[in-house]
Amino acid sequence: REGAKMMRSETYEKIVATIGAHGLRRQCIKVLSEEHPKISRETLLSIYSQHYQMHTKRIHGQHRQSEVMEEYFRQYEDSMRQGQSNPKLLLDMAQQVQFSPVLFARIILEKFAISRGCVSPESNLSTLVSQWIKKPIFIPDSALCEQVKVCILNDPNYGPMAENIKHSVGHEYEFLLKEKLQALNIPFLDENDLRSRGYDKTPDFKLEIPIAVGEHIIHWIESKASFGDEHSHSRYLEDQFWSYQNRFGPGLVIYWFGYVAELDVNRDQGILLSDKFPSKESVFILHTS
């Protein structure tokens, strides 16, 4: 049964089509909420964010072509020389070409650094620009500093603020999962415990005593504060989940913001998907003798 988080691929494709029809603008979330009232805003935002980032990766090279970068910087410089007082100039330019505001700001900062001789033989251009993005106050141009700040504040997918929010949400759901395990008195090792024992690739929680959820045995649980679409799930399977299964046995992946139902096809191979922690009534602790 399709729920508020888990959804059929048909529903997911409709959501993605709506996002594309609105030119990947964040305003499409309001339309999606009206079209899919039973799907949470968090789930819709997660789908939007993942689709936006996939699109950005596809077009990133186009914007990084030398002549294109030169043209962007020329337009910015011309506008500033003409006394442009628009505090959202860079943001408007990025939105006009449907590109991430922070990644667009990086292009301008790179060209600015080269034109002003900010890069010495000992320094690295990419490192310098990354430092400026993290701390715009160090940009040696007050007007450009303010422009970059606006880009950072208005980019929900890239940049230091977006990354801090992602990490915060990820930790929040890991803490929620830890609380649920502790409430059921299920002993576990977290990532830090496992790494201290020499493991490199580790799930969020390795259960010291396995549990049974329905007819499935669970040895580990991975928390994902995101939506499980085909692209991300395939990558996680290859980079993480199969490694966990091979090393520790069957496990559970929780996509807190939902997932495409058709992806839950590896239960017999030891990887279960869910959009929540199993109910207390469905969990059985397999005590060892």
Protein backbone atom coordinates (compact mmCIF):
# COMPACT_ATOMS: atom_id res chain seq x y z
CA ARG A 1 0.00 0.00 0.00
CA GLU A 2 1.29 3.47 -0.92
CA GLY A 3 1.72 5.66 2.15
CA ALA A 4 2.62 9.26 2.89
CA LYS A 5 6.36 8.48 2.56
CA MET A 6 6.76 5.22 0.66
CA MET A 7 5.44 5.73 -2.86
CA ARG A 8 5.05 3.91 -6.14
CA SER A 9 7.37 4.83 -8.99
CA GLU A 10 4.41 6.26 -10.90
CA THR A 11 3.82 8.85 -8.17
CA TYR A 12 7.52 9.64 -7.95
CA GLU A 13 7.73 10.22 -11.71
CA LYS A 14 4.77 12.62 -11.53
CA ILE A 15 6.55 14.60 -8.82
CA VAL A 16 9.77 14.75 -10.84
CA ALA A 17 7.81 15.86 -13.93
CA THR A 18 6.25 18.72 -11.97
CA ILE A 19 9.67 19.80 -10.69
CA GLY A 20 11.00 19.84 -14.26
CA ALA A 21 7.96 21.73 -15.55
CA HIS A 22 8.68 24.53 -13.08
CA GLY A 23 12.27 24.91 -14.21
CA LEU A 24 13.64 23.39 -11.01
CA ARG A 25 12.49 26.46 -9.08
CA ARG A 26 11.87 25.88 -5.39
CA GLN A 27 8.42 27.47 -5.73
CA CYS A 28 7.26 24.15 -7.21
CA ILE A 29 7.04 22.76 -3.64
CA LYS A 30 3.80 24.67 -3.12
CA VAL A 31 2.33 23.15 -6.30
CA LEU A 32 3.52 19.67 -5.29
CA SER A 33 1.93 20.04 -1.84
CA GLU A 34 -1.37 20.86 -3.50
CA GLU A 35 -1.10 17.98 -5.99
CA HIS A 36 0.01 15.44 -3.35
CA PRO A 37 -1.59 16.51 -0.04
CA LYS A 38 -0.88 13.14 1.63
CA ILE A 39 2.87 13.40 1.04
CA SER A 40 4.80 15.34 3.68
CA ARG A 41 6.56 18.59 2.81
CA GLU A 42 9.83 17.09 4.07
CA THR A 43 9.54 14.23 1.59
CA LEU A 44 8.76 16.60 -1.29
CA LEU A 45 11.69 18.85 -0.33
CA SER A 46 14.03 15.83 -0.22
CA ILE A 47 12.93 14.68 -3.68
CA TYR A 48 13.30 18.24 -5.02
CA SER A 49 16.77 18.61 -3.52
CA GLN A 50 18.03 15.29 -4.94
CA HIS A 51 16.61 16.03 -8.38
CA TYR A 52 18.10 19.54 -8.31
CA GLN A 53 21.54 18.17 -7.41
CA MET A 54 21.40 15.51 -10.14
CA HIS A 55 20.47 18.22 -12.65
CA THR A 56 23.29 20.46 -11.39
CA LYS A 57 25.86 17.69 -11.83
CA ARG A 58 24.68 17.18 -15.43
CA ILE A 59 25.03 20.86 -16.38
CA HIS A 60 28.01 21.75 -14.19
CA GLY A 61 30.51 21.33 -17.02
CA GLN A 62 28.61 23.69 -19.30
CA HIS A 63 28.95 26.54 -16.83
CA ARG A 64 32.62 25.75 -16.15
CA GLN A 65 33.72 26.21 -19.76
CA SER A 66 36.44 28.87 -19.90
CA GLU A 67 34.63 31.20 -22.27
CA VAL A 68 31.37 30.92 -20.32
CA MET A 69 33.11 31.73 -17.02
CA GLU A 70 34.82 34.73 -18.64
CA GLU A 71 31.46 35.99 -19.90
CA TYR A 72 29.81 35.64 -16.48
CA PHE A 73 32.63 37.62 -14.88
CA ARG A 74 32.54 40.29 -17.60
CA GLN A 75 28.80 40.77 -17.05
CA TYR A 76 29.33 41.07 -13.31
CA GLU A 77 32.22 43.55 -13.66
CA ASP A 78 30.30 45.65 -16.21
CA SER A 79 27.26 45.85 -13.93
CA MET A 80 29.38 46.91 -10.94
CA ARG A 81 31.26 49.54 -12.98
CA GLN A 82 27.92 51.01 -14.05
CA GLY A 83 27.07 51.59 -10.40
CA GLN A 84 24.80 48.55 -10.05
CA SER A 85 23.23 48.73 -6.60
CA ASN A 86 21.26 45.48 -6.78
CA PRO A 87 22.34 43.46 -3.71
CA LYS A 88 21.06 40.31 -5.44
CA LEU A 89 22.98 40.76 -8.68
CA LEU A 90 24.87 37.46 -8.47
CA LEU A 91 21.79 35.63 -7.24
CA ASP A 92 19.72 36.98 -10.14
CA MET A 93 22.43 36.04 -12.64
CA ALA A 94 22.56 32.49 -11.25
CA GLN A 95 18.79 32.11 -11.34
CA GLN A 96 18.67 33.46 -14.88
CA VAL A 97 20.86 30.58 -16.09
CA GLN A 98 19.21 28.08 -13.65
CA PHE A 99 22.43 27.31 -11.81
CA SER A 100 23.25 26.94 -8.13
CA PRO A 101 23.83 30.42 -6.60
CA VAL A 102 26.83 29.22 -4.56
CA LEU A 103 28.44 27.40 -7.51
CA PHE A 104 27.85 30.48 -9.64
CA ALA A 105 29.47 32.63 -6.94
CA ARG A 106 32.48 30.28 -7.01
CA ILE A 107 32.96 31.05 -10.71
CA ILE A 108 32.94 34.80 -10.07
CA LEU A 109 35.27 34.42 -7.09
CA GLU A 110 37.77 32.37 -9.12
CA LYS A 111 37.87 34.98 -11.87
CA PHE A 112 38.06 37.78 -9.30
CA ALA A 113 40.98 36.10 -7.50
CA ILE A 114 42.92 35.70 -10.76
CA SER A 115 42.17 39.23 -11.99
CA ARG A 116 43.23 40.81 -8.67
CA GLY A 117 46.35 38.68 -8.27
CA CYS A 118 45.10 37.03 -5.08
CA VAL A 119 46.59 33.68 -6.06
CA SER A 120 50.27 33.21 -5.33
CA PRO A 121 52.46 30.32 -6.58
CA GLU A 122 52.20 28.82 -3.10
CA SER A 123 48.42 29.03 -2.86
CA ASN A 124 45.71 26.95 -4.50
CA LEU A 125 42.85 28.73 -6.30
CA SER A 126 40.21 26.18 -5.37
CA THR A 127 41.27 26.18 -1.71
CA LEU A 128 41.26 29.97 -1.57
CA VAL A 129 37.76 30.21 -3.06
CA SER A 130 36.48 27.51 -0.69
CA GLN A 131 37.81 29.57 2.22
CA TRP A 132 36.04 32.65 0.91
CA ILE A 133 32.77 30.73 0.55
CA LYS A 134 33.03 29.50 4.14
CA LYS A 135 34.02 32.94 5.45
CA PRO A 136 33.00 35.68 2.96
CA ILE A 137 34.32 38.35 5.33
CA PHE A 138 37.81 37.55 4.02
CA ILE A 139 36.90 38.41 0.41
CA PRO A 140 38.99 41.56 -0.31
CA ASP A 141 36.08 43.39 -1.93
CA SER A 142 33.17 44.49 0.27
CA ALA A 143 30.60 44.60 -2.54
CA LEU A 144 31.48 41.11 -3.77
CA CYS A 145 31.48 39.90 -0.16
CA GLU A 146 27.85 41.00 0.25
CA GLN A 147 26.86 39.47 -3.09
CA VAL A 148 28.34 36.10 -2.07
CA LYS A 149 26.55 36.23 1.30
CA VAL A 150 23.22 36.61 -0.51
CA CYS A 151 24.02 33.59 -2.70
CA ILE A 152 24.88 31.47 0.35
CA LEU A 153 21.67 32.47 2.16
CA ASN A 154 19.54 31.65 -0.90
CA ASP A 155 21.05 28.29 -1.90
CA PRO A 156 19.31 25.39 -0.10
CA ASN A 157 21.46 22.75 -1.83
CA TYR A 158 25.07 23.97 -1.92
CA GLY A 159 27.35 26.00 0.32
CA PRO A 160 28.26 26.04 4.02
CA MET A 161 24.78 26.82 5.31
CA ALA A 162 23.15 24.07 3.25
CA GLU A 163 25.82 21.58 4.35
CA ASN A 164 25.37 22.50 8.02
CA ILE A 165 21.62 21.95 7.75
CA LYS A 166 22.11 18.57 6.05
CA HIS A 167 24.56 17.42 8.73
CA SER A 168 22.27 18.67 11.48
CA VAL A 169 19.26 16.81 10.08
CA GLY A 170 21.34 13.66 9.60
CA HIS A 171 22.55 13.75 13.21
CA GLU A 172 19.00 14.44 14.43
CA TYR A 173 17.67 11.26 12.84
CA GLU A 174 20.65 9.19 13.98
CA PHE A 175 19.96 10.41 17.52
CA LEU A 176 16.27 9.50 17.11
CA LEU A 177 17.25 5.99 16.00
CA LYS A 178 19.66 5.65 18.94
CA GLU A 179 16.88 6.64 21.35
CA LYS A 180 14.55 4.00 19.89
CA LEU A 181 17.19 1.28 20.24
CA GLN A 182 17.90 2.31 23.83
CA ALA A 183 14.18 2.37 24.67
CA LEU A 184 13.97 -1.31 23.66
CA ASN A 185 17.21 -2.15 25.51
CA ILE A 186 18.86 -3.32 22.31
CA PRO A 187 22.66 -3.17 22.75
CA PHE A 188 24.57 -1.71 19.81
CA LEU A 189 27.84 -0.28 18.57
CA ASP A 190 27.79 3.04 16.71
CA GLU A 191 30.13 4.20 13.94
CA ASN A 192 32.74 5.51 16.37
CA ASP A 193 32.77 2.22 18.29
CA LEU A 194 33.22 0.25 15.08
CA ARG A 195 35.98 2.49 13.73
CA SER A 196 37.85 2.21 17.00
CA ARG A 197 37.83 -1.55 16.38
CA GLY A 198 39.40 -1.16 12.96
CA TYR A 199 36.37 -1.23 10.63
CA ASP A 200 36.48 1.20 7.72
CA LYS A 201 33.02 1.01 6.13
CA THR A 202 30.51 0.97 8.95
CA PRO A 203 26.72 1.21 9.29
CA ASP A 204 25.31 3.76 11.74
CA PHE A 205 24.49 1.01 14.23
CA LYS A 206 25.71 -2.58 14.53
CA LEU A 207 23.42 -4.54 16.85
CA GLU A 208 25.35 -6.58 19.40
CA ILE A 209 22.31 -8.80 19.71
CA PRO A 210 20.35 -9.26 16.45
CA ILE A 211 16.64 -8.59 16.28
CA ALA A 212 13.87 -10.14 14.22
CA VAL A 213 11.48 -7.86 12.35
CA GLY A 214 8.72 -10.04 11.04
CA GLU A 215 10.46 -12.96 9.35
CA HIS A 216 13.72 -11.07 8.81
CA ILE A 217 16.83 -11.05 11.01
CA ILE A 218 18.53 -7.65 11.45
CA HIS A 219 22.20 -7.26 12.42
CA TRP A 220 22.69 -3.59 11.54
CA ILE A 221 20.68 -0.44 10.85
CA GLU A 222 21.55 2.46 8.57
CA SER A 223 19.82 5.84 8.97
CA LYS A 224 19.27 7.99 5.87
CA ALA A 225 17.70 11.42 6.39
CA SER A 226 16.68 11.56 2.74
CA PHE A 227 14.31 10.08 0.17
CA GLY A 228 15.36 6.80 -1.44
CA ASP A 229 15.17 7.22 -5.21
CA GLU A 230 16.67 4.85 -7.76
CA HIS A 231 19.81 6.93 -8.33
CA SER A 232 20.77 7.40 -4.68
CA HIS A 233 19.72 3.90 -3.60
CA SER A 234 21.79 2.25 -6.34
CA ARG A 235 24.82 4.28 -5.26
CA TYR A 236 24.30 3.40 -1.59
CA LEU A 237 23.92 -0.30 -2.44
CA GLU A 238 27.23 -0.31 -4.26
CA ASP A 239 29.17 1.92 -1.86
CA GLN A 240 27.70 0.87 1.50
CA PHE A 241 24.84 -1.58 1.90
CA TRP A 242 26.29 -4.64 0.15
CA SER A 243 29.53 -4.16 2.10
CA TYR A 244 27.60 -4.08 5.37
CA GLN A 245 25.62 -7.16 4.37
CA ASN A 246 28.74 -9.09 3.41
CA ARG A 247 30.52 -8.20 6.64
CA PHE A 248 27.75 -8.21 9.24
CA GLY A 249 24.82 -10.08 7.69
CA PRO A 250 21.26 -8.85 6.95
CA GLY A 251 20.35 -5.29 7.88
CA LEU A 252 17.74 -2.55 7.78
CA VAL A 253 17.93 0.77 5.93
CA ILE A 254 15.60 3.51 7.13
CA TYR A 255 14.86 6.25 4.60
CA TRP A 256 13.16 8.67 6.99
CA PHE A 257 11.68 10.75 4.17
CA GLY A 258 10.41 7.75 2.24
CA TYR A 259 11.48 5.75 -0.80
CA VAL A 260 10.24 4.35 -4.09
CA ALA A 261 8.44 1.13 -3.17
CA GLU A 262 9.78 -0.84 -6.14
CA LEU A 263 13.33 -0.49 -4.79
CA ASP A 264 12.63 -2.81 -1.84
CA VAL A 265 13.59 -5.94 -3.77
CA ASN A 266 16.62 -7.20 -1.81
CA ARG A 267 14.95 -8.52 1.33
CA ASP A 268 15.84 -12.13 0.53
CA GLN A 269 19.46 -11.02 0.01
CA GLY A 270 19.54 -9.34 3.42
CA ILE A 271 18.74 -5.64 2.84
CA LEU A 272 15.35 -4.36 4.05
CA LEU A 273 13.97 -0.88 3.42
CA SER A 274 11.64 1.08 5.69
CA ASP A 275 10.55 4.69 6.23
CA LYS A 276 10.42 4.35 10.02
CA PHE A 277 11.73 2.31 12.91
CA PRO A 278 9.72 -0.91 13.34
CA SER A 279 6.94 -0.80 15.91
CA LYS A 280 7.73 -2.18 19.37
CA GLU A 281 5.27 -5.03 18.79
CA SER A 282 7.03 -6.17 15.60
CA VAL A 283 10.54 -6.30 17.09
CA PHE A 284 11.85 -9.48 18.75
CA ILE A 285 15.25 -9.49 20.43
CA LEU A 286 17.15 -12.69 19.70
CA HIS A 287 18.91 -13.29 23.00
CA THR A 288 21.98 -15.46 22.72
CA SER A 289 22.59 -18.28 25.19
